[in-house]
Amino acid sequence: MAEFVRAIAASDLAPGQCVEVKVGATPVAIYNVDGTFYATSNVCLHRGGPLGQGLLEGHAVMCPWHAWSWDVKTGENVANGDLKIPTYEVKVEGGEVFVKVA
């Protein structure tokens, strides 16, 4: 069973920003949307672009390679809801962001 793993310090990611990290062997993108943290796969379904290097606007991240956008809350593609990237459970405790990858 998957457990929560420390990913980053909450203070290291300002609102409106995203970052790419590894949680175990899994590449994960973490987003700070107005103080609430979300995590998705770091891999864009289009061509494998690094979502943690993308542009976060509200709760949508735009892949830096080809501008595909994803809802960081649901993992759904903004233009086509049938496409979806994995999302991961996040919790913040003691100023640290923890992510559970399954």
PDB file of N, CA and C in Angstrom:
ATOM      1  N   MET A   1       0.843  -1.191   0.000  1.00  0.00           N
ATOM      2  CA  MET A   1       0.000   0.000   0.000  1.00  0.00           C
ATOM      3  C   MET A   1       0.884   1.248   0.000  1.00  0.00           C
ATOM      4  N   ALA A   2       0.537   2.210  -0.832  1.00  0.00           N
ATOM      5  CA  ALA A   2       1.310   3.445  -0.954  1.00  0.00           C
ATOM      6  C   ALA A   2       1.183   4.283   0.318  1.00  0.00           C
ATOM      7  N   GLU A   3       2.273   4.955   0.645  1.00  0.00           N
ATOM      8  CA  GLU A   3       2.293   5.839   1.801  1.00  0.00           C
ATOM      9  C   GLU A   3       2.635   7.248   1.351  1.00  0.00           C
ATOM     10  N   PHE A   4       2.313   8.213   2.204  1.00  0.00           N
ATOM     11  CA  PHE A   4       2.704   9.589   1.922  1.00  0.00           C
ATOM     12  C   PHE A   4       4.209   9.726   2.073  1.00  0.00           C
ATOM     13  N   VAL A   5       4.821  10.447   1.133  1.00  0.00           N
ATOM     14  CA  VAL A   5       6.260  10.684   1.133  1.00  0.00           C
ATOM     15  C   VAL A   5       6.490  12.194   1.084  1.00  0.00           C
ATOM     16  N   ARG A   6       7.434  12.677   1.896  1.00  0.00           N
ATOM     17  CA  ARG A   6       7.747  14.099   1.871  1.00  0.00           C
ATOM     18  C   ARG A   6       8.294  14.464   0.498  1.00  0.00           C
ATOM     19  N   ALA A   7       7.748  15.530  -0.071  1.00  0.00           N
ATOM     20  CA  ALA A   7       8.171  15.971  -1.399  1.00  0.00           C
ATOM     21  C   ALA A   7       8.958  17.276  -1.347  1.00  0.00           C
ATOM     22  N   ILE A   8       8.402  18.289  -0.677  1.00  0.00           N
ATOM     23  CA  ILE A   8       9.043  19.609  -0.577  1.00  0.00           C
ATOM     24  C   ILE A   8       8.593  20.298   0.699  1.00  0.00           C
ATOM     25  N   ALA A   9       9.284  21.358   1.065  1.00  0.00           N
ATOM     26  CA  ALA A   9       8.804  22.247   2.117  1.00  0.00           C
ATOM     27  C   ALA A   9       7.751  23.160   1.501  1.00  0.00           C
ATOM     28  N   ALA A  10       6.648  23.361   2.183  1.00  0.00           N
ATOM     29  CA  ALA A  10       5.572  24.208   1.651  1.00  0.00           C
ATOM     30  C   ALA A  10       6.084  25.609   1.336  1.00  0.00           C
ATOM     31  N   SER A  11       7.009  26.107   2.123  1.00  0.00           N
ATOM     32  CA  SER A  11       7.542  27.460   1.913  1.00  0.00           C
ATOM     33  C   SER A  11       8.399  27.574   0.656  1.00  0.00           C
ATOM     34  N   ASP A  12       8.776  26.443   0.072  1.00  0.00           N
ATOM     35  CA  ASP A  12       9.605  26.462  -1.142  1.00  0.00           C
ATOM     36  C   ASP A  12       8.800  26.659  -2.417  1.00  0.00           C
ATOM     37  N   LEU A  13       7.457  26.664  -2.309  1.00  0.00           N
ATOM     38  CA  LEU A  13       6.632  26.798  -3.510  1.00  0.00           C
ATOM     39  C   LEU A  13       5.572  27.877  -3.282  1.00  0.00           C
ATOM     40  N   ALA A  14       5.792  29.025  -3.874  1.00  0.00           N
ATOM     41  CA  ALA A  14       4.883  30.168  -3.708  1.00  0.00           C
ATOM     42  C   ALA A  14       3.580  29.937  -4.463  1.00  0.00           C
ATOM     43  N   PRO A  15       2.501  30.587  -4.029  1.00  0.00           N
ATOM     44  CA  PRO A  15       1.233  30.486  -4.773  1.00  0.00           C
ATOM     45  C   PRO A  15       1.428  30.886  -6.233  1.00  0.00           C
ATOM     46  N   GLY A  16       0.799  30.115  -7.126  1.00  0.00           N
ATOM     47  CA  GLY A  16       0.898  30.375  -8.548  1.00  0.00           C
ATOM     48  C   GLY A  16       2.101  29.728  -9.212  1.00  0.00           C
ATOM     49  N   GLN A  17       2.855  28.939  -8.451  1.00  0.00           N
ATOM     50  CA  GLN A  17       4.061  28.299  -8.966  1.00  0.00           C
ATOM     51  C   GLN A  17       3.905  26.782  -8.989  1.00  0.00           C
ATOM     52  N   CYS A  18       4.769  26.134  -9.777  1.00  0.00           N
ATOM     53  CA  CYS A  18       4.808  24.680  -9.806  1.00  0.00           C
ATOM     54  C   CYS A  18       6.259  24.236  -9.845  1.00  0.00           C
ATOM     55  N   VAL A  19       6.466  22.973  -9.500  1.00  0.00           N
ATOM     56  CA  VAL A  19       7.818  22.418  -9.436  1.00  0.00           C
ATOM     57  C   VAL A  19       7.749  20.941  -9.774  1.00  0.00           C
ATOM     58  N   GLU A  20       8.846  20.416 -10.319  1.00  0.00           N
ATOM     59  CA  GLU A  20       8.919  18.989 -10.585  1.00  0.00           C
ATOM     60  C   GLU A  20       9.804  18.335  -9.540  1.00  0.00           C
ATOM     61  N   VAL A  21       9.359  17.173  -9.047  1.00  0.00           N
ATOM     62  CA  VAL A  21      10.091  16.416  -8.036  1.00  0.00           C
ATOM     63  C   VAL A  21       9.963  14.931  -8.362  1.00  0.00           C
ATOM     64  N   LYS A  22      10.740  14.125  -7.665  1.00  0.00           N
ATOM     65  CA  LYS A  22      10.578  12.670  -7.728  1.00  0.00           C
ATOM     66  C   LYS A  22      10.014  12.226  -6.389  1.00  0.00           C
ATOM     67  N   VAL A  23       8.977  11.428  -6.421  1.00  0.00           N
ATOM     68  CA  VAL A  23       8.443  10.801  -5.224  1.00  0.00           C
ATOM     69  C   VAL A  23       8.719   9.317  -5.405  1.00  0.00           C
ATOM     70  N   GLY A  24       9.736   8.836  -4.715  1.00  0.00           N
ATOM     71  CA  GLY A  24      10.255   7.507  -5.015  1.00  0.00           C
ATOM     72  C   GLY A  24      10.831   7.558  -6.414  1.00  0.00           C
ATOM     73  N   ALA A  25      10.330   6.698  -7.290  1.00  0.00           N
ATOM     74  CA  ALA A  25      10.789   6.694  -8.683  1.00  0.00           C
ATOM     75  C   ALA A  25       9.828   7.416  -9.618  1.00  0.00           C
ATOM     76  N   THR A  26       8.775   7.996  -9.061  1.00  0.00           N
ATOM     77  CA  THR A  26       7.723   8.606  -9.876  1.00  0.00           C
ATOM     78  C   THR A  26       7.967  10.095 -10.088  1.00  0.00           C
ATOM     79  N   PRO A  27       8.016  10.562 -11.348  1.00  0.00           N
ATOM     80  CA  PRO A  27       8.133  11.998 -11.606  1.00  0.00           C
ATOM     81  C   PRO A  27       6.781  12.681 -11.360  1.00  0.00           C
ATOM     82  N   VAL A  28       6.797  13.660 -10.456  1.00  0.00           N
ATOM     83  CA  VAL A  28       5.571  14.329 -10.005  1.00  0.00           C
ATOM     84  C   VAL A  28       5.729  15.836 -10.174  1.00  0.00           C
ATOM     85  N   ALA A  29       4.638  16.488 -10.548  1.00  0.00           N
ATOM     86  CA  ALA A  29       4.582  17.954 -10.551  1.00  0.00           C
ATOM     87  C   ALA A  29       3.704  18.378  -9.378  1.00  0.00           C
ATOM     88  N   ILE A  30       4.181  19.344  -8.613  1.00  0.00           N
ATOM     89  CA  ILE A  30       3.426  19.876  -7.481  1.00  0.00           C
ATOM     90  C   ILE A  30       3.081  21.320  -7.789  1.00  0.00           C
ATOM     91  N   TYR A  31       1.862  21.705  -7.457  1.00  0.00           N
ATOM     92  CA  TYR A  31       1.336  23.035  -7.767  1.00  0.00           C
ATOM     93  C   TYR A  31       0.814  23.684  -6.486  1.00  0.00           C
ATOM     94  N   ASN A  32       1.011  24.994  -6.362  1.00  0.00           N
ATOM     95  CA  ASN A  32       0.437  25.760  -5.270  1.00  0.00           C
ATOM     96  C   ASN A  32      -0.604  26.689  -5.876  1.00  0.00           C
ATOM     97  N   VAL A  33      -1.876  26.357  -5.668  1.00  0.00           N
ATOM     98  CA  VAL A  33      -2.986  27.161  -6.179  1.00  0.00           C
ATOM     99  C   VAL A  33      -3.591  27.907  -4.991  1.00  0.00           C
ATOM    100  N   ASP A  34      -3.206  29.171  -4.844  1.00  0.00           N
ATOM    101  CA  ASP A  34      -3.718  30.017  -3.762  1.00  0.00           C
ATOM    102  C   ASP A  34      -3.572  29.374  -2.393  1.00  0.00           C
ATOM    103  N   GLY A  35      -2.442  28.698  -2.158  1.00  0.00           N
ATOM    104  CA  GLY A  35      -2.168  28.096  -0.857  1.00  0.00           C
ATOM    105  C   GLY A  35      -2.614  26.654  -0.715  1.00  0.00           C
ATOM    106  N   THR A  36      -3.293  26.110  -1.716  1.00  0.00           N
ATOM    107  CA  THR A  36      -3.679  24.705  -1.712  1.00  0.00           C
ATOM    108  C   THR A  36      -2.765  23.962  -2.670  1.00  0.00           C
ATOM    109  N   PHE A  37      -2.228  22.854  -2.210  1.00  0.00           N
ATOM    110  CA  PHE A  37      -1.262  22.102  -3.001  1.00  0.00           C
ATOM    111  C   PHE A  37      -1.942  20.934  -3.719  1.00  0.00           C
ATOM    112  N   TYR A  38      -1.522  20.716  -4.979  1.00  0.00           N
ATOM    113  CA  TYR A  38      -2.005  19.616  -5.808  1.00  0.00           C
ATOM    114  C   TYR A  38      -0.799  18.929  -6.411  1.00  0.00           C
ATOM    115  N   ALA A  39      -0.979  17.659  -6.800  1.00  0.00           N
ATOM    116  CA  ALA A  39       0.105  16.921  -7.442  1.00  0.00           C
ATOM    117  C   ALA A  39      -0.457  16.084  -8.579  1.00  0.00           C
ATOM    118  N   THR A  40       0.286  16.070  -9.684  1.00  0.00           N
ATOM    119  CA  THR A  40      -0.074  15.254 -10.844  1.00  0.00           C
ATOM    120  C   THR A  40       1.194  14.573 -11.346  1.00  0.00           C
ATOM    121  N   SER A  41       1.011  13.707 -12.320  1.00  0.00           N
ATOM    122  CA  SER A  41       2.162  13.203 -13.057  1.00  0.00           C
ATOM    123  C   SER A  41       2.899  14.410 -13.628  1.00  0.00           C
ATOM    124  N   ASN A  42       4.200  14.299 -13.736  1.00  0.00           N
ATOM    125  CA  ASN A  42       4.985  15.377 -14.332  1.00  0.00           C
ATOM    126  C   ASN A  42       5.068  15.235 -15.849  1.00  0.00           C
ATOM    127  N   VAL A  43       4.422  14.208 -16.406  1.00  0.00           N
ATOM    128  CA  VAL A  43       4.569  13.883 -17.819  1.00  0.00           C
ATOM    129  C   VAL A  43       3.297  14.228 -18.598  1.00  0.00           C
ATOM    130  N   CYS A  44       3.413  15.171 -19.527  1.00  0.00           N
ATOM    131  CA  CYS A  44       2.300  15.530 -20.406  1.00  0.00           C
ATOM    132  C   CYS A  44       2.025  14.362 -21.356  1.00  0.00           C
ATOM    133  N   LEU A  45       0.754  14.059 -21.574  1.00  0.00           N
ATOM    134  CA  LEU A  45       0.395  12.946 -22.444  1.00  0.00           C
ATOM    135  C   LEU A  45       0.707  13.203 -23.917  1.00  0.00           C
ATOM    136  N   HIS A  46       0.838  14.454 -24.301  1.00  0.00           N
ATOM    137  CA  HIS A  46       1.054  14.772 -25.707  1.00  0.00           C
ATOM    138  C   HIS A  46       2.399  14.267 -26.205  1.00  0.00           C
ATOM    139  N   ARG A  47       3.483  14.787 -25.638  1.00  0.00           N
ATOM    140  CA  ARG A  47       4.833  14.388 -26.073  1.00  0.00           C
ATOM    141  C   ARG A  47       5.783  14.213 -24.892  1.00  0.00           C
ATOM    142  N   GLY A  48       5.228  14.073 -23.689  1.00  0.00           N
ATOM    143  CA  GLY A  48       6.066  13.811 -22.520  1.00  0.00           C
ATOM    144  C   GLY A  48       6.705  15.024 -21.901  1.00  0.00           C
ATOM    145  N   GLY A  49       6.174  16.204 -22.182  1.00  0.00           N
ATOM    146  CA  GLY A  49       6.743  17.435 -21.630  1.00  0.00           C
ATOM    147  C   GLY A  49       6.662  17.474 -20.109  1.00  0.00           C
ATOM    148  N   PRO A  50       7.562  18.244 -19.464  1.00  0.00           N
ATOM    149  CA  PRO A  50       7.631  18.337 -18.008  1.00  0.00           C
ATOM    150  C   PRO A  50       6.633  19.359 -17.448  1.00  0.00           C
ATOM    151  N   LEU A  51       5.515  18.894 -16.950  1.00  0.00           N
ATOM    152  CA  LEU A  51       4.462  19.795 -16.483  1.00  0.00           C
ATOM    153  C   LEU A  51       4.912  20.673 -15.316  1.00  0.00           C
ATOM    154  N   GLY A  52       5.833  20.181 -14.498  1.00  0.00           N
ATOM    155  CA  GLY A  52       6.341  20.971 -13.378  1.00  0.00           C
ATOM    156  C   GLY A  52       7.147  22.180 -13.811  1.00  0.00           C
ATOM    157  N   GLN A  53       7.463  22.274 -15.103  1.00  0.00           N
ATOM    158  CA  GLN A  53       8.130  23.453 -15.652  1.00  0.00           C
ATOM    159  C   GLN A  53       7.142  24.343 -16.402  1.00  0.00           C
ATOM    160  N   GLY A  54       5.867  23.990 -16.336  1.00  0.00           N
ATOM    161  CA  GLY A  54       4.846  24.705 -17.092  1.00  0.00           C
ATOM    162  C   GLY A  54       4.414  26.002 -16.448  1.00  0.00           C
ATOM    163  N   LEU A  55       3.437  26.631 -17.089  1.00  0.00           N
ATOM    164  CA  LEU A  55       2.854  27.883 -16.614  1.00  0.00           C
ATOM    165  C   LEU A  55       1.547  27.564 -15.908  1.00  0.00           C
ATOM    166  N   LEU A  56       1.455  27.915 -14.619  1.00  0.00           N
ATOM    167  CA  LEU A  56       0.252  27.673 -13.829  1.00  0.00           C
ATOM    168  C   LEU A  56      -0.592  28.932 -13.792  1.00  0.00           C
ATOM    169  N   GLU A  57      -1.812  28.829 -14.295  1.00  0.00           N
ATOM    170  CA  GLU A  57      -2.774  29.937 -14.259  1.00  0.00           C
ATOM    171  C   GLU A  57      -4.049  29.416 -13.626  1.00  0.00           C
ATOM    172  N   GLY A  58      -4.340  29.903 -12.424  1.00  0.00           N
ATOM    173  CA  GLY A  58      -5.471  29.353 -11.677  1.00  0.00           C
ATOM    174  C   GLY A  58      -5.172  27.907 -11.359  1.00  0.00           C
ATOM    175  N   HIS A  59      -6.088  27.009 -11.737  1.00  0.00           N
ATOM    176  CA  HIS A  59      -5.852  25.589 -11.486  1.00  0.00           C
ATOM    177  C   HIS A  59      -5.538  24.825 -12.773  1.00  0.00           C
ATOM    178  N   ALA A  60      -5.052  25.552 -13.794  1.00  0.00           N
ATOM    179  CA  ALA A  60      -4.642  24.906 -15.051  1.00  0.00           C
ATOM    180  C   ALA A  60      -3.149  25.118 -15.273  1.00  0.00           C
ATOM    181  N   VAL A  61      -2.470  24.037 -15.650  1.00  0.00           N
ATOM    182  CA  VAL A  61      -1.051  24.127 -15.990  1.00  0.00           C
ATOM    183  C   VAL A  61      -0.903  23.898 -17.491  1.00  0.00           C
ATOM    184  N   MET A  62      -0.092  24.751 -18.127  1.00  0.00           N
ATOM    185  CA  MET A  62       0.158  24.617 -19.556  1.00  0.00           C
ATOM    186  C   MET A  62       1.545  24.014 -19.744  1.00  0.00           C
ATOM    187  N   CYS A  63       1.615  22.922 -20.474  1.00  0.00           N
ATOM    188  CA  CYS A  63       2.883  22.257 -20.746  1.00  0.00           C
ATOM    189  C   CYS A  63       3.813  23.216 -21.492  1.00  0.00           C
ATOM    190  N   PRO A  64       5.077  23.293 -21.071  1.00  0.00           N
ATOM    191  CA  PRO A  64       5.996  24.221 -21.721  1.00  0.00           C
ATOM    192  C   PRO A  64       6.420  23.793 -23.129  1.00  0.00           C
ATOM    193  N   TRP A  65       6.155  22.568 -23.514  1.00  0.00           N
ATOM    194  CA  TRP A  65       6.598  22.112 -24.831  1.00  0.00           C
ATOM    195  C   TRP A  65       5.620  22.451 -25.941  1.00  0.00           C
ATOM    196  N   HIS A  66       4.330  22.143 -25.765  1.00  0.00           N
ATOM    197  CA  HIS A  66       3.382  22.330 -26.864  1.00  0.00           C
ATOM    198  C   HIS A  66       2.046  22.933 -26.420  1.00  0.00           C
ATOM    199  N   ALA A  67       2.027  23.519 -25.219  1.00  0.00           N
ATOM    200  CA  ALA A  67       0.889  24.300 -24.725  1.00  0.00           C
ATOM    201  C   ALA A  67      -0.385  23.490 -24.456  1.00  0.00           C
ATOM    202  N   TRP A  68      -0.274  22.192 -24.257  1.00  0.00           N
ATOM    203  CA  TRP A  68      -1.446  21.448 -23.810  1.00  0.00           C
ATOM    204  C   TRP A  68      -1.689  21.821 -22.356  1.00  0.00           C
ATOM    205  N   SER A  69      -2.954  22.033 -21.979  1.00  0.00           N
ATOM    206  CA  SER A  69      -3.277  22.459 -20.622  1.00  0.00           C
ATOM    207  C   SER A  69      -4.070  21.392 -19.880  1.00  0.00           C
ATOM    208  N   TRP A  70      -3.776  21.295 -18.579  1.00  0.00           N
ATOM    209  CA  TRP A  70      -4.366  20.278 -17.716  1.00  0.00           C
ATOM    210  C   TRP A  70      -4.891  20.910 -16.443  1.00  0.00           C
ATOM    211  N   ASP A  71      -6.045  20.438 -15.970  1.00  0.00           N
ATOM    212  CA  ASP A  71      -6.607  20.875 -14.691  1.00  0.00           C
ATOM    213  C   ASP A  71      -5.851  20.126 -13.594  1.00  0.00           C
ATOM    214  N   VAL A  72      -5.159  20.846 -12.720  1.00  0.00           N
ATOM    215  CA  VAL A  72      -4.337  20.185 -11.708  1.00  0.00           C
ATOM    216  C   VAL A  72      -5.175  19.548 -10.607  1.00  0.00           C
ATOM    217  N   LYS A  73      -6.441  19.930 -10.483  1.00  0.00           N
ATOM    218  CA  LYS A  73      -7.324  19.323  -9.477  1.00  0.00           C
ATOM    219  C   LYS A  73      -7.823  17.958  -9.935  1.00  0.00           C
ATOM    220  N   THR A  74      -8.169  17.836 -11.217  1.00  0.00           N
ATOM    221  CA  THR A  74      -8.799  16.619 -11.725  1.00  0.00           C
ATOM    222  C   THR A  74      -7.899  15.798 -12.641  1.00  0.00           C
ATOM    223  N   GLY A  75      -6.869  16.425 -13.208  1.00  0.00           N
ATOM    224  CA  GLY A  75      -6.009  15.770 -14.182  1.00  0.00           C
ATOM    225  C   GLY A  75      -6.552  15.814 -15.602  1.00  0.00           C
ATOM    226  N   GLU A  76      -7.746  16.370 -15.787  1.00  0.00           N
ATOM    227  CA  GLU A  76      -8.366  16.401 -17.114  1.00  0.00           C
ATOM    228  C   GLU A  76      -7.711  17.441 -18.017  1.00  0.00           C
ATOM    229  N   ASN A  77      -7.622  17.100 -19.295  1.00  0.00           N
ATOM    230  CA  ASN A  77      -7.157  18.043 -20.297  1.00  0.00           C
ATOM    231  C   ASN A  77      -8.209  19.139 -20.427  1.00  0.00           C
ATOM    232  N   VAL A  78      -7.780  20.388 -20.487  1.00  0.00           N
ATOM    233  CA  VAL A  78      -8.705  21.525 -20.530  1.00  0.00           C
ATOM    234  C   VAL A  78      -9.542  21.511 -21.810  1.00  0.00           C
ATOM    235  N   ALA A  79      -8.966  21.080 -22.934  1.00  0.00           N
ATOM    236  CA  ALA A  79      -9.672  21.088 -24.219  1.00  0.00           C
ATOM    237  C   ALA A  79     -10.448  19.799 -24.472  1.00  0.00           C
ATOM    238  N   ASN A  80     -10.029  18.697 -23.854  1.00  0.00           N
ATOM    239  CA  ASN A  80     -10.658  17.403 -24.105  1.00  0.00           C
ATOM    240  C   ASN A  80     -10.684  16.605 -22.808  1.00  0.00           C
ATOM    241  N   GLY A  81     -11.813  16.647 -22.107  1.00  0.00           N
ATOM    242  CA  GLY A  81     -11.961  15.986 -20.815  1.00  0.00           C
ATOM    243  C   GLY A  81     -11.799  14.481 -20.842  1.00  0.00           C
ATOM    244  N   ASP A  82     -11.773  13.884 -22.045  1.00  0.00           N
ATOM    245  CA  ASP A  82     -11.551  12.437 -22.146  1.00  0.00           C
ATOM    246  C   ASP A  82     -10.089  12.069 -21.889  1.00  0.00           C
ATOM    247  N   LEU A  83      -9.200  13.042 -22.032  1.00  0.00           N
ATOM    248  CA  LEU A  83      -7.774  12.818 -21.760  1.00  0.00           C
ATOM    249  C   LEU A  83      -7.488  13.202 -20.317  1.00  0.00           C
ATOM    250  N   LYS A  84      -6.733  12.369 -19.623  1.00  0.00           N
ATOM    251  CA  LYS A  84      -6.497  12.625 -18.206  1.00  0.00           C
ATOM    252  C   LYS A  84      -5.116  12.128 -17.794  1.00  0.00           C
ATOM    253  N   ILE A  85      -4.411  12.963 -17.009  1.00  0.00           N
ATOM    254  CA  ILE A  85      -3.145  12.563 -16.409  1.00  0.00           C
ATOM    255  C   ILE A  85      -3.409  12.121 -14.972  1.00  0.00           C
ATOM    256  N   PRO A  86      -2.539  11.275 -14.424  1.00  0.00           N
ATOM    257  CA  PRO A  86      -2.726  10.850 -13.032  1.00  0.00           C
ATOM    258  C   PRO A  86      -2.612  12.030 -12.058  1.00  0.00           C
ATOM    259  N   THR A  87      -3.453  12.008 -11.044  1.00  0.00           N
ATOM    260  CA  THR A  87      -3.370  12.953  -9.932  1.00  0.00           C
ATOM    261  C   THR A  87      -3.030  12.166  -8.676  1.00  0.00           C
ATOM    262  N   TYR A  88      -2.427  12.839  -7.711  1.00  0.00           N
ATOM    263  CA  TYR A  88      -1.992  12.176  -6.490  1.00  0.00           C
ATOM    264  C   TYR A  88      -2.500  12.925  -5.271  1.00  0.00           C
ATOM    265  N   GLU A  89      -2.763  12.171  -4.228  1.00  0.00           N
ATOM    266  CA  GLU A  89      -3.231  12.740  -2.968  1.00  0.00           C
ATOM    267  C   GLU A  89      -2.096  13.510  -2.310  1.00  0.00           C
ATOM    268  N   VAL A  90      -2.440  14.680  -1.750  1.00  0.00           N
ATOM    269  CA  VAL A  90      -1.463  15.567  -1.118  1.00  0.00           C
ATOM    270  C   VAL A  90      -1.950  15.929   0.278  1.00  0.00           C
ATOM    271  N   LYS A  91      -1.000  16.037   1.210  1.00  0.00           N
ATOM    272  CA  LYS A  91      -1.315  16.593   2.523  1.00  0.00           C
ATOM    273  C   LYS A  91      -0.151  17.469   2.958  1.00  0.00           C
ATOM    274  N   VAL A  92      -0.480  18.478   3.761  1.00  0.00           N
ATOM    275  CA  VAL A  92       0.534  19.380   4.296  1.00  0.00           C
ATOM    276  C   VAL A  92       0.511  19.241   5.811  1.00  0.00           C
ATOM    277  N   GLU A  93       1.657  18.903   6.371  1.00  0.00           N
ATOM    278  CA  GLU A  93       1.791  18.777   7.826  1.00  0.00           C
ATOM    279  C   GLU A  93       3.123  19.371   8.256  1.00  0.00           C
ATOM    280  N   GLY A  94       3.079  20.177   9.311  1.00  0.00           N
ATOM    281  CA  GLY A  94       4.321  20.736   9.845  1.00  0.00           C
ATOM    282  C   GLY A  94       5.114  21.530   8.830  1.00  0.00           C
ATOM    283  N   GLY A  95       4.431  22.176   7.895  1.00  0.00           N
ATOM    284  CA  GLY A  95       5.114  22.985   6.886  1.00  0.00           C
ATOM    285  C   GLY A  95       5.740  22.178   5.764  1.00  0.00           C
ATOM    286  N   GLU A  96       5.428  20.887   5.686  1.00  0.00           N
ATOM    287  CA  GLU A  96       5.977  20.007   4.656  1.00  0.00           C
ATOM    288  C   GLU A  96       4.843  19.487   3.777  1.00  0.00           C
ATOM    289  N   VAL A  97       5.126  19.322   2.481  1.00  0.00           N
ATOM    290  CA  VAL A  97       4.147  18.788   1.528  1.00  0.00           C
ATOM    291  C   VAL A  97       4.465  17.316   1.306  1.00  0.00           C
ATOM    292  N   PHE A  98       3.462  16.465   1.534  1.00  0.00           N
ATOM    293  CA  PHE A  98       3.597  15.029   1.356  1.00  0.00           C
ATOM    294  C   PHE A  98       2.692  14.581   0.215  1.00  0.00           C
ATOM    295  N   VAL A  99       3.177  13.630  -0.580  1.00  0.00           N
ATOM    296  CA  VAL A  99       2.429  13.129  -1.724  1.00  0.00           C
ATOM    297  C   VAL A  99       2.364  11.609  -1.628  1.00  0.00           C
ATOM    298  N   LYS A 100       1.189  11.069  -1.971  1.00  0.00           N
ATOM    299  CA  LYS A 100       1.013   9.620  -2.026  1.00  0.00           C
ATOM    300  C   LYS A 100       0.838   9.211  -3.473  1.00  0.00           C
ATOM    301  N   VAL A 101       1.781   8.423  -3.989  1.00  0.00           N
ATOM    302  CA  VAL A 101       1.656   7.899  -5.352  1.00  0.00           C
ATOM    303  C   VAL A 101       1.278   6.433  -5.242  1.00  0.00           C
ATOM    304  N   ALA A 102       0.335   6.019  -6.077  1.00  0.00           N
ATOM    305  CA  ALA A 102      -0.140   4.630  -5.995  1.00  0.00           C
ATOM    306  C   ALA A 102       0.565   3.764  -7.012  1.00  0.00           C
TER     307      ALA A 102
END
